[in-house]
Amino acid sequence: MILITTKTSAIITRMPKSSTTPLVILGIDPGLADTGFGVVHQSGNKLKMVDYGSIKTKAGLPLEKRLLEIHESLVTLIKAHRPSAISIEKLFFCKNLKTAIDVGQARGVVLLTAGQYQLQISEFTPLEIKLALTSYGKASKNQIKQMVKNILQLEKLPKSDDAADALASAICCAHSLTKIK
């Protein structure tokens, strides 16, 4: 299992819960080989990136081992950041049936793990995420990365497409939860 984060201390940092603690959202872009994640704090109308990266599994491992690695990495992230909500990108369309099945199995692991920790689950299609961030449903990967950078006030664009998509999903969730309140 390879868990890549942007902050080496992120896995051991524990956020205390209090009435002033911001809402913590864990965004996930599921995949069997590479599951992107992004942790965003929302305080009022302000969003702040806390951590992002990828959970990578090796292609040669049996499927059940790869899914277990995704689960264990998610548990580590949940324990470290204690999110109250998780935002998961929906599988909307896939030209390759095998890829769709693999992503679906990874999504199942994410949903199961979120359920185990009683997290509020929000699911968004790539189209919904693109519209929420750019107001354009056919936005390119680079346009999404640029908006993630701008909204979260990052110094540079996220390198990983999967991590950028996970951060975008978390931003979409934050906007959705703000509208509900």
Protein backbone atom coordinates (compact mmCIF):
# COMPACT_ATOMS: atom_id res chain seq x y z
CA MET A 1 0.00 0.00 0.00
CA ILE A 2 1.20 3.47 -0.86
CA LEU A 3 -0.49 6.43 0.79
CA ILE A 4 0.81 9.65 -0.66
CA THR A 5 -0.12 12.87 1.10
CA THR A 6 1.05 16.42 0.63
CA LYS A 7 1.87 16.72 4.32
CA THR A 8 3.89 14.04 6.05
CA SER A 9 2.41 14.88 9.45
CA ALA A 10 -1.18 14.73 8.20
CA ILE A 11 -1.67 11.11 9.15
CA ILE A 12 -0.70 11.60 12.78
CA THR A 13 -2.31 15.01 13.36
CA ARG A 14 -5.57 14.87 15.33
CA MET A 15 -7.98 17.78 15.19
CA PRO A 16 -9.80 18.49 18.48
CA LYS A 17 -13.59 18.72 18.20
CA SER A 18 -15.20 21.85 19.62
CA SER A 19 -18.01 24.21 18.79
CA THR A 20 -15.54 26.38 16.85
CA THR A 21 -14.10 23.48 14.87
CA PRO A 22 -14.79 23.97 11.17
CA LEU A 23 -16.70 21.42 9.13
CA VAL A 24 -14.22 18.88 7.79
CA ILE A 25 -15.01 17.34 4.40
CA LEU A 26 -13.14 14.40 2.90
CA GLY A 27 -13.43 14.41 -0.90
CA ILE A 28 -12.82 11.15 -2.74
CA ASP A 29 -12.25 10.37 -6.42
CA PRO A 30 -12.46 6.56 -6.33
CA GLY A 31 -10.32 4.26 -8.42
CA LEU A 32 -8.74 0.86 -8.02
CA ALA A 33 -5.21 1.89 -9.02
CA ASP A 34 -5.40 5.46 -7.75
CA THR A 35 -7.99 6.84 -5.33
CA GLY A 36 -7.64 10.58 -5.00
CA PHE A 37 -8.45 12.26 -1.68
CA GLY A 38 -8.72 15.83 -0.50
CA VAL A 39 -9.45 17.18 2.97
CA VAL A 40 -11.07 20.62 3.17
CA HIS A 41 -12.10 22.66 6.22
CA GLN A 42 -15.13 24.89 5.84
CA SER A 43 -15.59 27.71 8.30
CA GLY A 44 -18.46 29.99 7.30
CA ASN A 45 -17.92 30.74 3.63
CA LYS A 46 -14.17 30.11 3.79
CA LEU A 47 -12.59 26.90 2.53
CA LYS A 48 -9.10 25.74 3.39
CA MET A 49 -7.18 22.78 2.01
CA VAL A 50 -5.74 20.64 4.80
CA ASP A 51 -4.38 17.64 2.91
CA TYR A 52 -4.62 15.92 -0.44
CA GLY A 53 -3.02 13.07 -2.30
CA SER A 54 -3.56 9.59 -3.64
CA ILE A 55 -4.02 6.07 -2.38
CA LYS A 56 -2.18 3.91 -4.90
CA THR A 57 -2.43 0.14 -5.14
CA LYS A 58 -0.20 -2.18 -7.15
CA ALA A 59 -1.69 -3.78 -10.26
CA GLY A 60 -0.21 -7.22 -9.53
CA LEU A 61 -1.98 -7.66 -6.19
CA PRO A 62 -5.20 -9.68 -5.91
CA LEU A 63 -8.34 -7.55 -6.07
CA GLU A 64 -9.31 -8.19 -2.44
CA LYS A 65 -5.86 -7.00 -1.24
CA ARG A 66 -6.12 -3.81 -3.31
CA LEU A 67 -9.60 -3.07 -1.94
CA LEU A 68 -8.38 -3.76 1.60
CA GLU A 69 -5.52 -1.30 1.09
CA ILE A 70 -7.98 1.38 -0.02
CA HIS A 71 -10.14 0.68 3.05
CA GLU A 72 -7.20 0.77 5.47
CA SER A 73 -5.87 4.01 3.97
CA LEU A 74 -9.32 5.62 4.23
CA VAL A 75 -9.55 4.55 7.87
CA THR A 76 -6.16 6.19 8.48
CA LEU A 77 -7.33 9.42 6.82
CA ILE A 78 -10.64 9.42 8.72
CA LYS A 79 -8.90 8.89 12.05
CA ALA A 80 -6.36 11.61 11.28
CA HIS A 81 -8.76 14.31 10.06
CA ARG A 82 -12.06 13.26 11.66
CA PRO A 83 -14.35 14.48 8.86
CA SER A 84 -18.05 14.82 9.45
CA ALA A 85 -18.85 14.55 5.74
CA ILE A 86 -17.49 12.66 2.77
CA SER A 87 -17.99 13.64 -0.85
CA ILE A 88 -17.64 10.92 -3.43
CA GLU A 89 -17.49 11.32 -7.18
CA LYS A 90 -20.18 9.19 -8.82
CA LEU A 91 -19.40 6.83 -11.65
CA PHE A 92 -21.32 8.58 -14.38
CA PHE A 93 -20.13 7.14 -17.66
CA CYS A 94 -17.38 4.78 -18.60
CA LYS A 95 -16.43 3.51 -22.05
CA ASN A 96 -14.43 0.60 -20.64
CA LEU A 97 -16.59 -1.94 -18.77
CA LYS A 98 -13.65 -3.38 -16.78
CA THR A 99 -12.65 0.09 -15.62
CA ALA A 100 -16.24 0.84 -14.64
CA ILE A 101 -16.42 -2.35 -12.57
CA ASP A 102 -13.07 -1.64 -10.87
CA VAL A 103 -14.10 1.93 -10.04
CA GLY A 104 -17.47 0.65 -8.81
CA GLN A 105 -15.77 -1.77 -6.45
CA ALA A 106 -13.50 0.98 -5.11
CA ARG A 107 -16.59 3.21 -4.65
CA GLY A 108 -18.22 0.40 -2.69
CA VAL A 109 -15.26 0.29 -0.32
CA VAL A 110 -15.43 4.08 0.13
CA LEU A 111 -19.17 3.96 0.86
CA LEU A 112 -18.73 1.05 3.30
CA THR A 113 -15.93 2.84 5.15
CA ALA A 114 -17.95 6.07 5.31
CA GLY A 115 -20.89 4.09 6.68
CA GLN A 116 -18.71 2.44 9.33
CA TYR A 117 -17.70 5.87 10.59
CA GLN A 118 -21.23 7.31 10.24
CA LEU A 119 -20.12 10.10 7.93
CA GLN A 120 -22.64 12.19 6.04
CA ILE A 121 -22.31 11.02 2.42
CA SER A 122 -22.73 13.31 -0.59
CA GLU A 123 -22.33 12.02 -4.12
CA PHE A 124 -21.83 14.15 -7.21
CA THR A 125 -21.37 13.38 -10.89
CA PRO A 126 -18.35 14.83 -12.68
CA LEU A 127 -20.80 17.15 -14.51
CA GLU A 128 -22.22 18.46 -11.21
CA ILE A 129 -18.72 19.06 -9.86
CA LYS A 130 -17.60 20.87 -13.02
CA LEU A 131 -20.71 23.06 -12.96
CA ALA A 132 -20.21 23.89 -9.27
CA LEU A 133 -16.59 24.94 -9.78
CA THR A 134 -16.54 26.47 -13.26
CA SER A 135 -20.18 26.96 -14.32
CA TYR A 136 -19.21 24.94 -17.41
CA GLY A 137 -20.08 21.25 -17.58
CA LYS A 138 -17.37 20.44 -20.12
CA ALA A 139 -14.49 22.03 -18.19
CA SER A 140 -11.07 20.48 -18.81
CA LYS A 141 -8.93 18.85 -16.13
CA ASN A 142 -6.68 21.90 -16.19
CA GLN A 143 -9.65 24.27 -15.72
CA ILE A 144 -10.77 22.22 -12.69
CA LYS A 145 -7.25 22.30 -11.25
CA GLN A 146 -7.08 26.07 -11.76
CA MET A 147 -10.40 26.61 -9.98
CA VAL A 148 -9.34 24.31 -7.11
CA LYS A 149 -6.14 26.36 -6.81
CA ASN A 150 -8.09 29.65 -6.82
CA ILE A 151 -10.89 28.60 -4.44
CA LEU A 152 -8.53 27.00 -1.90
CA GLN A 153 -5.86 29.68 -2.41
CA LEU A 154 -3.15 27.13 -3.15
CA GLU A 155 0.29 28.26 -4.22
CA LYS A 156 0.36 25.87 -7.18
CA LEU A 157 -1.89 23.52 -9.09
CA PRO A 158 -2.37 20.03 -7.64
CA LYS A 159 -0.19 17.63 -9.66
CA SER A 160 -2.44 14.58 -9.48
CA ASP A 161 -5.67 14.69 -11.50
CA ASP A 162 -7.30 12.29 -9.01
CA ALA A 163 -6.36 14.43 -6.00
CA ALA A 164 -7.55 17.58 -7.79
CA ASP A 165 -10.87 15.85 -8.57
CA ALA A 166 -11.19 14.82 -4.90
CA LEU A 167 -10.59 18.40 -3.76
CA ALA A 168 -13.13 19.58 -6.34
CA SER A 169 -15.64 17.07 -4.97
CA ALA A 170 -15.06 18.37 -1.43
CA ILE A 171 -15.56 21.97 -2.62
CA CYS A 172 -18.78 20.96 -4.36
CA CYS A 173 -19.96 19.28 -1.15
CA ALA A 174 -19.13 22.39 0.90
CA HIS A 175 -21.14 24.57 -1.48
CA SER A 176 -24.02 22.08 -1.36
CA LEU A 177 -24.06 21.91 2.45
CA THR A 178 -23.93 25.72 2.68
CA LYS A 179 -27.04 25.98 0.48
CA ILE A 180 -28.89 23.45 2.67
CA LYS A 181 -28.29 25.47 5.87
